[in-house]
Amino acid sequence: MTRVWKWNRPVTVREVLEDLQQERSIAYTTVMTVLDNLHQKGWVRREAEGRAYRYEAVSTRAAYSAALMNEAWSQSDNPAAALVAFFGMMSPEQREALSDAVRMVQGPDNPPSGEGTQGR
């Protein structure tokens, strides 16, 4: 999936193969099998182009990561404790990104509890 996301457009087995071969030796059939498996799982869609297929990610890497985090969190018997532990593992940069994301989700018309209520 990393290679499909990296290209950010529909890719052929040959393109992914050539990209991977810059780092290691790998067979065409291996790449073809992996892309076919990803298609079977619904992670990529494919469109015929001549005798080959072009593969494209169904969702973004960010959406995939979010789904993984949501799945892991929903498996916890104590979601609040899981979040506290997760936040404790974050770097300062990651915590800042989290704060930015919370502000984006809340929007300017919906400040967090306790904010924007002074003087009322």
PDB file of N, CA and C in Angstrom:
ATOM      1  N   MET A   1       0.825  -1.198   0.000  1.00  0.00           N
ATOM      2  CA  MET A   1       0.000   0.000   0.000  1.00  0.00           C
ATOM      3  C   MET A   1       0.863   1.253   0.000  1.00  0.00           C
ATOM      4  N   THR A   2       2.001   1.183   0.672  1.00  0.00           N
ATOM      5  CA  THR A   2       2.883   2.353   0.732  1.00  0.00           C
ATOM      6  C   THR A   2       3.249   2.832  -0.665  1.00  0.00           C
ATOM      7  N   ARG A   3       3.546   1.911  -1.552  1.00  0.00           N
ATOM      8  CA  ARG A   3       3.925   2.292  -2.919  1.00  0.00           C
ATOM      9  C   ARG A   3       2.741   2.862  -3.683  1.00  0.00           C
ATOM     10  N   VAL A   4       1.580   2.300  -3.496  1.00  0.00           N
ATOM     11  CA  VAL A   4       0.388   2.810  -4.194  1.00  0.00           C
ATOM     12  C   VAL A   4       0.084   4.221  -3.705  1.00  0.00           C
ATOM     13  N   TRP A   5       0.159   4.445  -2.388  1.00  0.00           N
ATOM     14  CA  TRP A   5      -0.070   5.784  -1.847  1.00  0.00           C
ATOM     15  C   TRP A   5       1.009   6.748  -2.312  1.00  0.00           C
ATOM     16  N   LYS A   6       2.234   6.281  -2.387  1.00  0.00           N
ATOM     17  CA  LYS A   6       3.350   7.139  -2.790  1.00  0.00           C
ATOM     18  C   LYS A   6       3.124   7.721  -4.186  1.00  0.00           C
ATOM     19  N   TRP A   7       2.661   6.892  -5.110  1.00  0.00           N
ATOM     20  CA  TRP A   7       2.456   7.341  -6.486  1.00  0.00           C
ATOM     21  C   TRP A   7       1.249   8.266  -6.584  1.00  0.00           C
ATOM     22  N   ASN A   8       0.256   8.067  -5.741  1.00  0.00           N
ATOM     23  CA  ASN A   8      -0.943   8.917  -5.700  1.00  0.00           C
ATOM     24  C   ASN A   8      -1.660   9.002  -7.047  1.00  0.00           C
ATOM     25  N   ARG A   9      -1.648   7.885  -7.757  1.00  0.00           N
ATOM     26  CA  ARG A   9      -2.373   7.758  -9.025  1.00  0.00           C
ATOM     27  C   ARG A   9      -2.448   6.281  -9.340  1.00  0.00           C
ATOM     28  N   PRO A  10      -3.302   5.888 -10.265  1.00  0.00           N
ATOM     29  CA  PRO A  10      -3.355   4.466 -10.619  1.00  0.00           C
ATOM     30  C   PRO A  10      -2.002   3.982 -11.147  1.00  0.00           C
ATOM     31  N   VAL A  11      -1.556   2.830 -10.646  1.00  0.00           N
ATOM     32  CA  VAL A  11      -0.240   2.293 -11.001  1.00  0.00           C
ATOM     33  C   VAL A  11      -0.362   0.862 -11.526  1.00  0.00           C
ATOM     34  N   THR A  12       0.597   0.480 -12.324  1.00  0.00           N
ATOM     35  CA  THR A  12       0.657  -0.889 -12.838  1.00  0.00           C
ATOM     36  C   THR A  12       1.576  -1.725 -11.954  1.00  0.00           C
ATOM     37  N   VAL A  13       1.460  -3.030 -12.106  1.00  0.00           N
ATOM     38  CA  VAL A  13       2.359  -3.937 -11.396  1.00  0.00           C
ATOM     39  C   VAL A  13       3.798  -3.613 -11.771  1.00  0.00           C
ATOM     40  N   ARG A  14       4.051  -3.368 -13.041  1.00  0.00           N
ATOM     41  CA  ARG A  14       5.402  -3.075 -13.529  1.00  0.00           C
ATOM     42  C   ARG A  14       5.970  -1.831 -12.836  1.00  0.00           C
ATOM     43  N   GLU A  15       5.169  -0.780 -12.681  1.00  0.00           N
ATOM     44  CA  GLU A  15       5.659   0.443 -12.020  1.00  0.00           C
ATOM     45  C   GLU A  15       6.029   0.172 -10.566  1.00  0.00           C
ATOM     46  N   VAL A  16       5.169  -0.556  -9.869  1.00  0.00           N
ATOM     47  CA  VAL A  16       5.454  -0.874  -8.471  1.00  0.00           C
ATOM     48  C   VAL A  16       6.694  -1.763  -8.387  1.00  0.00           C
ATOM     49  N   LEU A  17       6.787  -2.739  -9.280  1.00  0.00           N
ATOM     50  CA  LEU A  17       7.947  -3.635  -9.321  1.00  0.00           C
ATOM     51  C   LEU A  17       9.238  -2.844  -9.498  1.00  0.00           C
ATOM     52  N   GLU A  18       9.278  -1.963 -10.476  1.00  0.00           N
ATOM     53  CA  GLU A  18      10.487  -1.185 -10.743  1.00  0.00           C
ATOM     54  C   GLU A  18      10.851  -0.288  -9.567  1.00  0.00           C
ATOM     55  N   ASP A  19       9.843   0.244  -8.903  1.00  0.00           N
ATOM     56  CA  ASP A  19      10.074   1.075  -7.730  1.00  0.00           C
ATOM     57  C   ASP A  19      10.679   0.239  -6.601  1.00  0.00           C
ATOM     58  N   LEU A  20      10.106  -0.932  -6.348  1.00  0.00           N
ATOM     59  CA  LEU A  20      10.613  -1.808  -5.295  1.00  0.00           C
ATOM     60  C   LEU A  20      12.005  -2.345  -5.604  1.00  0.00           C
ATOM     61  N   GLN A  21      12.284  -2.608  -6.872  1.00  0.00           N
ATOM     62  CA  GLN A  21      13.578  -3.179  -7.255  1.00  0.00           C
ATOM     63  C   GLN A  21      14.736  -2.215  -7.040  1.00  0.00           C
ATOM     64  N   GLN A  22      14.449  -0.948  -6.808  1.00  0.00           N
ATOM     65  CA  GLN A  22      15.515  -0.002  -6.475  1.00  0.00           C
ATOM     66  C   GLN A  22      16.091  -0.312  -5.094  1.00  0.00           C
ATOM     67  N   GLU A  23      15.306  -1.001  -4.261  1.00  0.00           N
ATOM     68  CA  GLU A  23      15.729  -1.312  -2.893  1.00  0.00           C
ATOM     69  C   GLU A  23      16.079  -2.774  -2.692  1.00  0.00           C
ATOM     70  N   ARG A  24      15.404  -3.668  -3.432  1.00  0.00           N
ATOM     71  CA  ARG A  24      15.632  -5.099  -3.227  1.00  0.00           C
ATOM     72  C   ARG A  24      15.189  -5.885  -4.448  1.00  0.00           C
ATOM     73  N   SER A  25      15.610  -7.115  -4.500  1.00  0.00           N
ATOM     74  CA  SER A  25      15.217  -7.996  -5.588  1.00  0.00           C
ATOM     75  C   SER A  25      13.850  -8.588  -5.264  1.00  0.00           C
ATOM     76  N   ILE A  26      12.928  -8.500  -6.208  1.00  0.00           N
ATOM     77  CA  ILE A  26      11.574  -9.014  -6.000  1.00  0.00           C
ATOM     78  C   ILE A  26      11.011  -9.429  -7.351  1.00  0.00           C
ATOM     79  N   ALA A  27      10.199 -10.465  -7.353  1.00  0.00           N
ATOM     80  CA  ALA A  27       9.645 -11.004  -8.595  1.00  0.00           C
ATOM     81  C   ALA A  27       8.370 -10.283  -8.993  1.00  0.00           C
ATOM     82  N   TYR A  28       8.155 -10.189 -10.287  1.00  0.00           N
ATOM     83  CA  TYR A  28       6.935  -9.597 -10.840  1.00  0.00           C
ATOM     84  C   TYR A  28       5.709 -10.298 -10.270  1.00  0.00           C
ATOM     85  N   THR A  29       5.741 -11.629 -10.224  1.00  0.00           N
ATOM     86  CA  THR A  29       4.568 -12.381  -9.755  1.00  0.00           C
ATOM     87  C   THR A  29       4.258 -12.101  -8.286  1.00  0.00           C
ATOM     88  N   THR A  30       5.279 -11.802  -7.501  1.00  0.00           N
ATOM     89  CA  THR A  30       5.056 -11.465  -6.091  1.00  0.00           C
ATOM     90  C   THR A  30       4.277 -10.160  -5.979  1.00  0.00           C
ATOM     91  N   VAL A  31       4.704  -9.163  -6.732  1.00  0.00           N
ATOM     92  CA  VAL A  31       4.023  -7.860  -6.707  1.00  0.00           C
ATOM     93  C   VAL A  31       2.593  -8.017  -7.237  1.00  0.00           C
ATOM     94  N   MET A  32       2.438  -8.792  -8.306  1.00  0.00           N
ATOM     95  CA  MET A  32       1.113  -9.011  -8.883  1.00  0.00           C
ATOM     96  C   MET A  32       0.197  -9.699  -7.864  1.00  0.00           C
ATOM     97  N   THR A  33       0.712 -10.686  -7.152  1.00  0.00           N
ATOM     98  CA  THR A  33      -0.089 -11.400  -6.148  1.00  0.00           C
ATOM     99  C   THR A  33      -0.497 -10.482  -5.009  1.00  0.00           C
ATOM    100  N   VAL A  34       0.450  -9.661  -4.534  1.00  0.00           N
ATOM    101  CA  VAL A  34       0.138  -8.740  -3.438  1.00  0.00           C
ATOM    102  C   VAL A  34      -0.927  -7.734  -3.869  1.00  0.00           C
ATOM    103  N   LEU A  35      -0.791  -7.159  -5.053  1.00  0.00           N
ATOM    104  CA  LEU A  35      -1.798  -6.200  -5.528  1.00  0.00           C
ATOM    105  C   LEU A  35      -3.153  -6.877  -5.733  1.00  0.00           C
ATOM    106  N   ASP A  36      -3.147  -8.108  -6.215  1.00  0.00           N
ATOM    107  CA  ASP A  36      -4.402  -8.840  -6.361  1.00  0.00           C
ATOM    108  C   ASP A  36      -5.038  -9.097  -4.993  1.00  0.00           C
ATOM    109  N   ASN A  37      -4.224  -9.467  -4.008  1.00  0.00           N
ATOM    110  CA  ASN A  37      -4.746  -9.667  -2.649  1.00  0.00           C
ATOM    111  C   ASN A  37      -5.333  -8.373  -2.084  1.00  0.00           C
ATOM    112  N   LEU A  38      -4.642  -7.263  -2.307  1.00  0.00           N
ATOM    113  CA  LEU A  38      -5.159  -5.962  -1.843  1.00  0.00           C
ATOM    114  C   LEU A  38      -6.486  -5.639  -2.527  1.00  0.00           C
ATOM    115  N   HIS A  39      -6.610  -6.005  -3.784  1.00  0.00           N
ATOM    116  CA  HIS A  39      -7.871  -5.807  -4.515  1.00  0.00           C
ATOM    117  C   HIS A  39      -8.970  -6.682  -3.921  1.00  0.00           C
ATOM    118  N   GLN A  40      -8.655  -7.938  -3.648  1.00  0.00           N
ATOM    119  CA  GLN A  40      -9.637  -8.859  -3.064  1.00  0.00           C
ATOM    120  C   GLN A  40     -10.124  -8.373  -1.697  1.00  0.00           C
ATOM    121  N   LYS A  41      -9.238  -7.733  -0.939  1.00  0.00           N
ATOM    122  CA  LYS A  41      -9.592  -7.212   0.385  1.00  0.00           C
ATOM    123  C   LYS A  41     -10.321  -5.871   0.312  1.00  0.00           C
ATOM    124  N   GLY A  42     -10.367  -5.273  -0.876  1.00  0.00           N
ATOM    125  CA  GLY A  42     -11.060  -4.002  -1.031  1.00  0.00           C
ATOM    126  C   GLY A  42     -10.210  -2.784  -0.712  1.00  0.00           C
ATOM    127  N   TRP A  43      -8.916  -2.949  -0.614  1.00  0.00           N
ATOM    128  CA  TRP A  43      -8.035  -1.820  -0.303  1.00  0.00           C
ATOM    129  C   TRP A  43      -7.651  -1.030  -1.534  1.00  0.00           C
ATOM    130  N   VAL A  44      -7.682  -1.692  -2.704  1.00  0.00           N
ATOM    131  CA  VAL A  44      -7.413  -1.008  -3.969  1.00  0.00           C
ATOM    132  C   VAL A  44      -8.505  -1.402  -4.965  1.00  0.00           C
ATOM    133  N   ARG A  45      -8.737  -0.519  -5.906  1.00  0.00           N
ATOM    134  CA  ARG A  45      -9.609  -0.858  -7.034  1.00  0.00           C
ATOM    135  C   ARG A  45      -8.706  -0.972  -8.254  1.00  0.00           C
ATOM    136  N   ARG A  46      -9.174  -1.697  -9.247  1.00  0.00           N
ATOM    137  CA  ARG A  46      -8.342  -1.839 -10.433  1.00  0.00           C
ATOM    138  C   ARG A  46      -9.175  -1.672 -11.677  1.00  0.00           C
ATOM    139  N   GLU A  47      -8.502  -1.205 -12.704  1.00  0.00           N
ATOM    140  CA  GLU A  47      -9.136  -1.003 -14.004  1.00  0.00           C
ATOM    141  C   GLU A  47      -8.254  -1.618 -15.072  1.00  0.00           C
ATOM    142  N   ALA A  48      -8.869  -2.358 -15.961  1.00  0.00           N
ATOM    143  CA  ALA A  48      -8.106  -3.008 -17.024  1.00  0.00           C
ATOM    144  C   ALA A  48      -7.544  -1.959 -17.974  1.00  0.00           C
ATOM    145  N   GLU A  49      -6.294  -2.191 -18.360  1.00  0.00           N
ATOM    146  CA  GLU A  49      -5.635  -1.346 -19.358  1.00  0.00           C
ATOM    147  C   GLU A  49      -4.856  -2.294 -20.270  1.00  0.00           C
ATOM    148  N   GLY A  50      -5.467  -2.641 -21.377  1.00  0.00           N
ATOM    149  CA  GLY A  50      -4.861  -3.650 -22.246  1.00  0.00           C
ATOM    150  C   GLY A  50      -4.889  -4.991 -21.547  1.00  0.00           C
ATOM    151  N   ARG A  51      -3.717  -5.624 -21.458  1.00  0.00           N
ATOM    152  CA  ARG A  51      -3.622  -6.919 -20.781  1.00  0.00           C
ATOM    153  C   ARG A  51      -3.257  -6.782 -19.311  1.00  0.00           C
ATOM    154  N   ALA A  52      -3.084  -5.573 -18.839  1.00  0.00           N
ATOM    155  CA  ALA A  52      -2.691  -5.335 -17.447  1.00  0.00           C
ATOM    156  C   ALA A  52      -3.792  -4.579 -16.708  1.00  0.00           C
ATOM    157  N   TYR A  53      -3.578  -4.385 -15.434  1.00  0.00           N
ATOM    158  CA  TYR A  53      -4.474  -3.580 -14.605  1.00  0.00           C
ATOM    159  C   TYR A  53      -3.721  -2.378 -14.066  1.00  0.00           C
ATOM    160  N   ARG A  54      -4.479  -1.324 -13.809  1.00  0.00           N
ATOM    161  CA  ARG A  54      -3.964  -0.185 -13.044  1.00  0.00           C
ATOM    162  C   ARG A  54      -4.680  -0.226 -11.703  1.00  0.00           C
ATOM    163  N   TYR A  55      -3.895  -0.130 -10.634  1.00  0.00           N
ATOM    164  CA  TYR A  55      -4.409  -0.218  -9.269  1.00  0.00           C
ATOM    165  C   TYR A  55      -4.378   1.158  -8.614  1.00  0.00           C
ATOM    166  N   GLU A  56      -5.446   1.436  -7.852  1.00  0.00           N
ATOM    167  CA  GLU A  56      -5.554   2.733  -7.175  1.00  0.00           C
ATOM    168  C   GLU A  56      -6.090   2.511  -5.765  1.00  0.00           C
ATOM    169  N   ALA A  57      -5.527   3.218  -4.798  1.00  0.00           N
ATOM    170  CA  ALA A  57      -5.975   3.094  -3.408  1.00  0.00           C
ATOM    171  C   ALA A  57      -7.427   3.522  -3.275  1.00  0.00           C
ATOM    172  N   VAL A  58      -8.171   2.793  -2.465  1.00  0.00           N
ATOM    173  CA  VAL A  58      -9.575   3.116  -2.218  1.00  0.00           C
ATOM    174  C   VAL A  58      -9.683   4.280  -1.236  1.00  0.00           C
ATOM    175  N   SER A  59      -8.755   4.348  -0.282  1.00  0.00           N
ATOM    176  CA  SER A  59      -8.764   5.451   0.678  1.00  0.00           C
ATOM    177  C   SER A  59      -7.351   6.001   0.838  1.00  0.00           C
ATOM    178  N   THR A  60      -7.263   7.137   1.458  1.00  0.00           N
ATOM    179  CA  THR A  60      -5.964   7.762   1.683  1.00  0.00           C
ATOM    180  C   THR A  60      -5.222   7.056   2.818  1.00  0.00           C
ATOM    181  N   ARG A  61      -3.950   7.299   2.882  1.00  0.00           N
ATOM    182  CA  ARG A  61      -3.161   6.737   3.975  1.00  0.00           C
ATOM    183  C   ARG A  61      -3.663   7.272   5.315  1.00  0.00           C
ATOM    184  N   ALA A  62      -4.047   8.541   5.355  1.00  0.00           N
ATOM    185  CA  ALA A  62      -4.553   9.140   6.592  1.00  0.00           C
ATOM    186  C   ALA A  62      -5.853   8.467   7.033  1.00  0.00           C
ATOM    187  N   ALA A  63      -6.754   8.216   6.091  1.00  0.00           N
ATOM    188  CA  ALA A  63      -8.021   7.550   6.427  1.00  0.00           C
ATOM    189  C   ALA A  63      -7.768   6.127   6.914  1.00  0.00           C
ATOM    190  N   TYR A  64      -6.826   5.437   6.286  1.00  0.00           N
ATOM    191  CA  TYR A  64      -6.482   4.090   6.710  1.00  0.00           C
ATOM    192  C   TYR A  64      -5.915   4.106   8.134  1.00  0.00           C
ATOM    193  N   SER A  65      -5.011   5.032   8.418  1.00  0.00           N
ATOM    194  CA  SER A  65      -4.437   5.146   9.758  1.00  0.00           C
ATOM    195  C   SER A  65      -5.516   5.448  10.789  1.00  0.00           C
ATOM    196  N   ALA A  66      -6.421   6.339  10.442  1.00  0.00           N
ATOM    197  CA  ALA A  66      -7.510   6.685  11.354  1.00  0.00           C
ATOM    198  C   ALA A  66      -8.387   5.470  11.645  1.00  0.00           C
ATOM    199  N   ALA A  67      -8.670   4.681  10.619  1.00  0.00           N
ATOM    200  CA  ALA A  67      -9.487   3.480  10.815  1.00  0.00           C
ATOM    201  C   ALA A  67      -8.779   2.483  11.734  1.00  0.00           C
ATOM    202  N   LEU A  68      -7.463   2.338  11.563  1.00  0.00           N
ATOM    203  CA  LEU A  68      -6.703   1.441  12.446  1.00  0.00           C
ATOM    204  C   LEU A  68      -6.756   1.920  13.896  1.00  0.00           C
ATOM    205  N   MET A  69      -6.562   3.231  14.097  1.00  0.00           N
ATOM    206  CA  MET A  69      -6.600   3.776  15.450  1.00  0.00           C
ATOM    207  C   MET A  69      -7.985   3.593  16.062  1.00  0.00           C
ATOM    208  N   ASN A  70      -9.020   3.825  15.276  1.00  0.00           N
ATOM    209  CA  ASN A  70     -10.387   3.676  15.773  1.00  0.00           C
ATOM    210  C   ASN A  70     -10.668   2.222  16.149  1.00  0.00           C
ATOM    211  N   GLU A  71     -10.220   1.302  15.309  1.00  0.00           N
ATOM    212  CA  GLU A  71     -10.426  -0.121  15.590  1.00  0.00           C
ATOM    213  C   GLU A  71      -9.706  -0.534  16.876  1.00  0.00           C
ATOM    214  N   ALA A  72      -8.464  -0.103  17.016  1.00  0.00           N
ATOM    215  CA  ALA A  72      -7.702  -0.442  18.223  1.00  0.00           C
ATOM    216  C   ALA A  72      -8.358   0.151  19.461  1.00  0.00           C
ATOM    217  N   TRP A  73      -8.786   1.399  19.360  1.00  0.00           N
ATOM    218  CA  TRP A  73      -9.403   2.071  20.503  1.00  0.00           C
ATOM    219  C   TRP A  73     -10.711   1.394  20.889  1.00  0.00           C
ATOM    220  N   SER A  74     -11.496   0.997  19.904  1.00  0.00           N
ATOM    221  CA  SER A  74     -12.796   0.377  20.189  1.00  0.00           C
ATOM    222  C   SER A  74     -12.639  -1.002  20.829  1.00  0.00           C
ATOM    223  N   GLN A  75     -11.465  -1.621  20.707  1.00  0.00           N
ATOM    224  CA  GLN A  75     -11.225  -2.935  21.317  1.00  0.00           C
ATOM    225  C   GLN A  75     -10.881  -2.834  22.807  1.00  0.00           C
ATOM    226  N   SER A  76     -10.601  -1.624  23.274  1.00  0.00           N
ATOM    227  CA  SER A  76     -10.193  -1.439  24.666  1.00  0.00           C
ATOM    228  C   SER A  76     -11.385  -1.563  25.604  1.00  0.00           C
ATOM    229  N   ASP A  77     -11.151  -2.179  26.769  1.00  0.00           N
ATOM    230  CA  ASP A  77     -12.211  -2.245  27.773  1.00  0.00           C
ATOM    231  C   ASP A  77     -12.262  -0.959  28.607  1.00  0.00           C
ATOM    232  N   ASN A  78     -11.261  -0.085  28.422  1.00  0.00           N
ATOM    233  CA  ASN A  78     -11.230   1.203  29.110  1.00  0.00           C
ATOM    234  C   ASN A  78     -10.700   2.245  28.133  1.00  0.00           C
ATOM    235  N   PRO A  79     -11.582   2.766  27.254  1.00  0.00           N
ATOM    236  CA  PRO A  79     -11.131   3.707  26.218  1.00  0.00           C
ATOM    237  C   PRO A  79     -10.413   4.941  26.763  1.00  0.00           C
ATOM    238  N   ALA A  80     -10.862   5.478  27.891  1.00  0.00           N
ATOM    239  CA  ALA A  80     -10.211   6.669  28.445  1.00  0.00           C
ATOM    240  C   ALA A  80      -8.768   6.355  28.836  1.00  0.00           C
ATOM    241  N   ALA A  81      -8.553   5.213  29.481  1.00  0.00           N
ATOM    242  CA  ALA A  81      -7.199   4.832  29.882  1.00  0.00           C
ATOM    243  C   ALA A  81      -6.328   4.571  28.653  1.00  0.00           C
ATOM    244  N   ALA A  82      -6.920   3.986  27.622  1.00  0.00           N
ATOM    245  CA  ALA A  82      -6.168   3.733  26.387  1.00  0.00           C
ATOM    246  C   ALA A  82      -5.723   5.049  25.764  1.00  0.00           C
ATOM    247  N   LEU A  83      -6.609   6.050  25.754  1.00  0.00           N
ATOM    248  CA  LEU A  83      -6.243   7.351  25.206  1.00  0.00           C
ATOM    249  C   LEU A  83      -5.155   8.017  26.027  1.00  0.00           C
ATOM    250  N   VAL A  84      -5.264   7.945  27.339  1.00  0.00           N
ATOM    251  CA  VAL A  84      -4.242   8.549  28.206  1.00  0.00           C
ATOM    252  C   VAL A  84      -2.890   7.894  27.934  1.00  0.00           C
ATOM    253  N   ALA A  85      -2.870   6.568  27.822  1.00  0.00           N
ATOM    254  CA  ALA A  85      -1.619   5.868  27.534  1.00  0.00           C
ATOM    255  C   ALA A  85      -1.076   6.264  26.161  1.00  0.00           C
ATOM    256  N   PHE A  86      -1.961   6.365  25.190  1.00  0.00           N
ATOM    257  CA  PHE A  86      -1.554   6.755  23.835  1.00  0.00           C
ATOM    258  C   PHE A  86      -0.980   8.170  23.824  1.00  0.00           C
ATOM    259  N   PHE A  87      -1.667   9.107  24.473  1.00  0.00           N
ATOM    260  CA  PHE A  87      -1.178  10.482  24.527  1.00  0.00           C
ATOM    261  C   PHE A  87       0.183  10.538  25.217  1.00  0.00           C
ATOM    262  N   GLY A  88       0.384   9.685  26.225  1.00  0.00           N
ATOM    263  CA  GLY A  88       1.659   9.646  26.933  1.00  0.00           C
ATOM    264  C   GLY A  88       2.812   9.193  26.052  1.00  0.00           C
ATOM    265  N   MET A  89       2.507   8.452  24.993  1.00  0.00           N
ATOM    266  CA  MET A  89       3.536   7.966  24.065  1.00  0.00           C
ATOM    267  C   MET A  89       3.882   8.997  22.997  1.00  0.00           C
ATOM    268  N   MET A  90       3.062  10.041  22.888  1.00  0.00           N
ATOM    269  CA  MET A  90       3.236  11.017  21.808  1.00  0.00           C
ATOM    270  C   MET A  90       4.406  11.957  22.070  1.00  0.00           C
ATOM    271  N   SER A  91       5.047  12.349  20.989  1.00  0.00           N
ATOM    272  CA  SER A  91       6.091  13.371  21.072  1.00  0.00           C
ATOM    273  C   SER A  91       5.405  14.736  21.196  1.00  0.00           C
ATOM    274  N   PRO A  92       6.143  15.761  21.579  1.00  0.00           N
ATOM    275  CA  PRO A  92       5.547  17.102  21.624  1.00  0.00           C
ATOM    276  C   PRO A  92       4.965  17.521  20.264  1.00  0.00           C
ATOM    277  N   GLU A  93       5.638  17.144  19.185  1.00  0.00           N
ATOM    278  CA  GLU A  93       5.139  17.485  17.846  1.00  0.00           C
ATOM    279  C   GLU A  93       3.815  16.779  17.553  1.00  0.00           C
ATOM    280  N   GLN A  94       3.718  15.534  17.973  1.00  0.00           N
ATOM    281  CA  GLN A  94       2.477  14.788  17.761  1.00  0.00           C
ATOM    282  C   GLN A  94       1.339  15.367  18.597  1.00  0.00           C
ATOM    283  N   ARG A  95       1.642  15.777  19.834  1.00  0.00           N
ATOM    284  CA  ARG A  95       0.599  16.392  20.674  1.00  0.00           C
ATOM    285  C   ARG A  95       0.127  17.710  20.066  1.00  0.00           C
ATOM    286  N   GLU A  96       1.051  18.464  19.493  1.00  0.00           N
ATOM    287  CA  GLU A  96       0.670  19.716  18.827  1.00  0.00           C
ATOM    288  C   GLU A  96      -0.210  19.429  17.615  1.00  0.00           C
ATOM    289  N   ALA A  97       0.133  18.393  16.864  1.00  0.00           N
ATOM    290  CA  ALA A  97      -0.699  18.008  15.719  1.00  0.00           C
ATOM    291  C   ALA A  97      -2.083  17.579  16.190  1.00  0.00           C
ATOM    292  N   LEU A  98      -2.149  16.877  17.313  1.00  0.00           N
ATOM    293  CA  LEU A  98      -3.438  16.478  17.872  1.00  0.00           C
ATOM    294  C   LEU A  98      -4.259  17.704  18.268  1.00  0.00           C
ATOM    295  N   SER A  99      -3.620  18.661  18.919  1.00  0.00           N
ATOM    296  CA  SER A  99      -4.318  19.902  19.295  1.00  0.00           C
ATOM    297  C   SER A  99      -4.844  20.622  18.064  1.00  0.00           C
ATOM    298  N   ASP A 100      -4.030  20.692  17.022  1.00  0.00           N
ATOM    299  CA  ASP A 100      -4.472  21.315  15.771  1.00  0.00           C
ATOM    300  C   ASP A 100      -5.672  20.580  15.195  1.00  0.00           C
ATOM    301  N   ALA A 101      -5.627  19.252  15.222  1.00  0.00           N
ATOM    302  CA  ALA A 101      -6.734  18.451  14.674  1.00  0.00           C
ATOM    303  C   ALA A 101      -8.013  18.672  15.466  1.00  0.00           C
ATOM    304  N   VAL A 102      -7.912  18.743  16.789  1.00  0.00           N
ATOM    305  CA  VAL A 102      -9.091  18.980  17.623  1.00  0.00           C
ATOM    306  C   VAL A 102      -9.689  20.348  17.289  1.00  0.00           C
ATOM    307  N   ARG A 103      -8.830  21.347  17.129  1.00  0.00           N
ATOM    308  CA  ARG A 103      -9.336  22.688  16.773  1.00  0.00           C
ATOM    309  C   ARG A 103     -10.031  22.662  15.410  1.00  0.00           C
ATOM    310  N   MET A 104      -9.474  21.905  14.463  1.00  0.00           N
ATOM    311  CA  MET A 104     -10.088  21.821  13.133  1.00  0.00           C
ATOM    312  C   MET A 104     -11.455  21.158  13.189  1.00  0.00           C
ATOM    313  N   VAL A 105     -11.566  20.097  13.972  1.00  0.00           N
ATOM    314  CA  VAL A 105     -12.831  19.369  14.081  1.00  0.00           C
ATOM    315  C   VAL A 105     -13.883  20.214  14.782  1.00  0.00           C
ATOM    316  N   GLN A 106     -13.479  20.918  15.820  1.00  0.00           N
ATOM    317  CA  GLN A 106     -14.428  21.729  16.569  1.00  0.00           C
ATOM    318  C   GLN A 106     -14.868  22.958  15.791  1.00  0.00           C
ATOM    319  N   GLY A 107     -13.993  23.507  14.996  1.00  0.00           N
ATOM    320  CA  GLY A 107     -14.336  24.685  14.206  1.00  0.00           C
ATOM    321  C   GLY A 107     -14.478  25.923  15.061  1.00  0.00           C
ATOM    322  N   PRO A 108     -14.506  27.082  14.412  1.00  0.00           N
ATOM    323  CA  PRO A 108     -14.556  28.343  15.150  1.00  0.00           C
ATOM    324  C   PRO A 108     -15.891  28.580  15.852  1.00  0.00           C
ATOM    325  N   ASP A 109     -16.953  27.955  15.387  1.00  0.00           N
ATOM    326  CA  ASP A 109     -18.275  28.166  15.986  1.00  0.00           C
ATOM    327  C   ASP A 109     -18.566  27.203  17.121  1.00  0.00           C
ATOM    328  N   ASN A 110     -17.639  26.309  17.425  1.00  0.00           N
ATOM    329  CA  ASN A 110     -17.875  25.294  18.444  1.00  0.00           C
ATOM    330  C   ASN A 110     -16.619  25.125  19.307  1.00  0.00           C
ATOM    331  N   PRO A 111     -16.284  26.133  20.140  1.00  0.00           N
ATOM    332  CA  PRO A 111     -15.072  26.040  20.956  1.00  0.00           C
ATOM    333  C   PRO A 111     -15.206  24.937  22.009  1.00  0.00           C
ATOM    334  N   PRO A 112     -14.073  24.441  22.529  1.00  0.00           N
ATOM    335  CA  PRO A 112     -14.120  23.422  23.583  1.00  0.00           C
ATOM    336  C   PRO A 112     -14.830  23.943  24.816  1.00  0.00           C
ATOM    337  N   SER A 113     -15.324  23.057  25.647  1.00  0.00           N
ATOM    338  CA  SER A 113     -16.007  23.442  26.883  1.00  0.00           C
ATOM    339  C   SER A 113     -15.134  24.373  27.689  1.00  0.00           C
ATOM    340  N   GLY A 114     -15.738  25.443  28.204  1.00  0.00           N
ATOM    341  CA  GLY A 114     -15.018  26.389  29.033  1.00  0.00           C
ATOM    342  C   GLY A 114     -14.374  27.527  28.260  1.00  0.00           C
ATOM    343  N   GLU A 115     -14.241  27.388  26.926  1.00  0.00           N
ATOM    344  CA  GLU A 115     -13.657  28.467  26.133  1.00  0.00           C
ATOM    345  C   GLU A 115     -14.761  29.253  25.455  1.00  0.00           C
ATOM    346  N   GLY A 116     -14.525  30.497  25.284  1.00  0.00           N
ATOM    347  CA  GLY A 116     -15.469  31.338  24.558  1.00  0.00           C
ATOM    348  C   GLY A 116     -16.730  31.649  25.340  1.00  0.00           C
ATOM    349  N   THR A 117     -16.729  31.386  26.654  1.00  0.00           N
ATOM    350  CA  THR A 117     -17.935  31.658  27.437  1.00  0.00           C
ATOM    351  C   THR A 117     -17.727  32.778  28.438  1.00  0.00           C
ATOM    352  N   GLN A 118     -16.531  33.392  28.420  1.00  0.00           N
ATOM    353  CA  GLN A 118     -16.274  34.482  29.359  1.00  0.00           C
ATOM    354  C   GLN A 118     -17.062  35.708  28.951  1.00  0.00           C
ATOM    355  N   GLY A 119     -17.529  36.457  29.962  1.00  0.00           N
ATOM    356  CA  GLY A 119     -18.229  37.696  29.688  1.00  0.00           C
ATOM    357  C   GLY A 119     -19.690  37.503  29.307  1.00  0.00           C
ATOM    358  N   ARG A 120     -20.203  36.312  29.465  1.00  0.00           N
ATOM    359  CA  ARG A 120     -21.615  36.064  29.124  1.00  0.00           C
ATOM    360  C   ARG A 120     -22.462  36.143  30.342  1.00  0.00           C
TER     361      ARG A 120
END
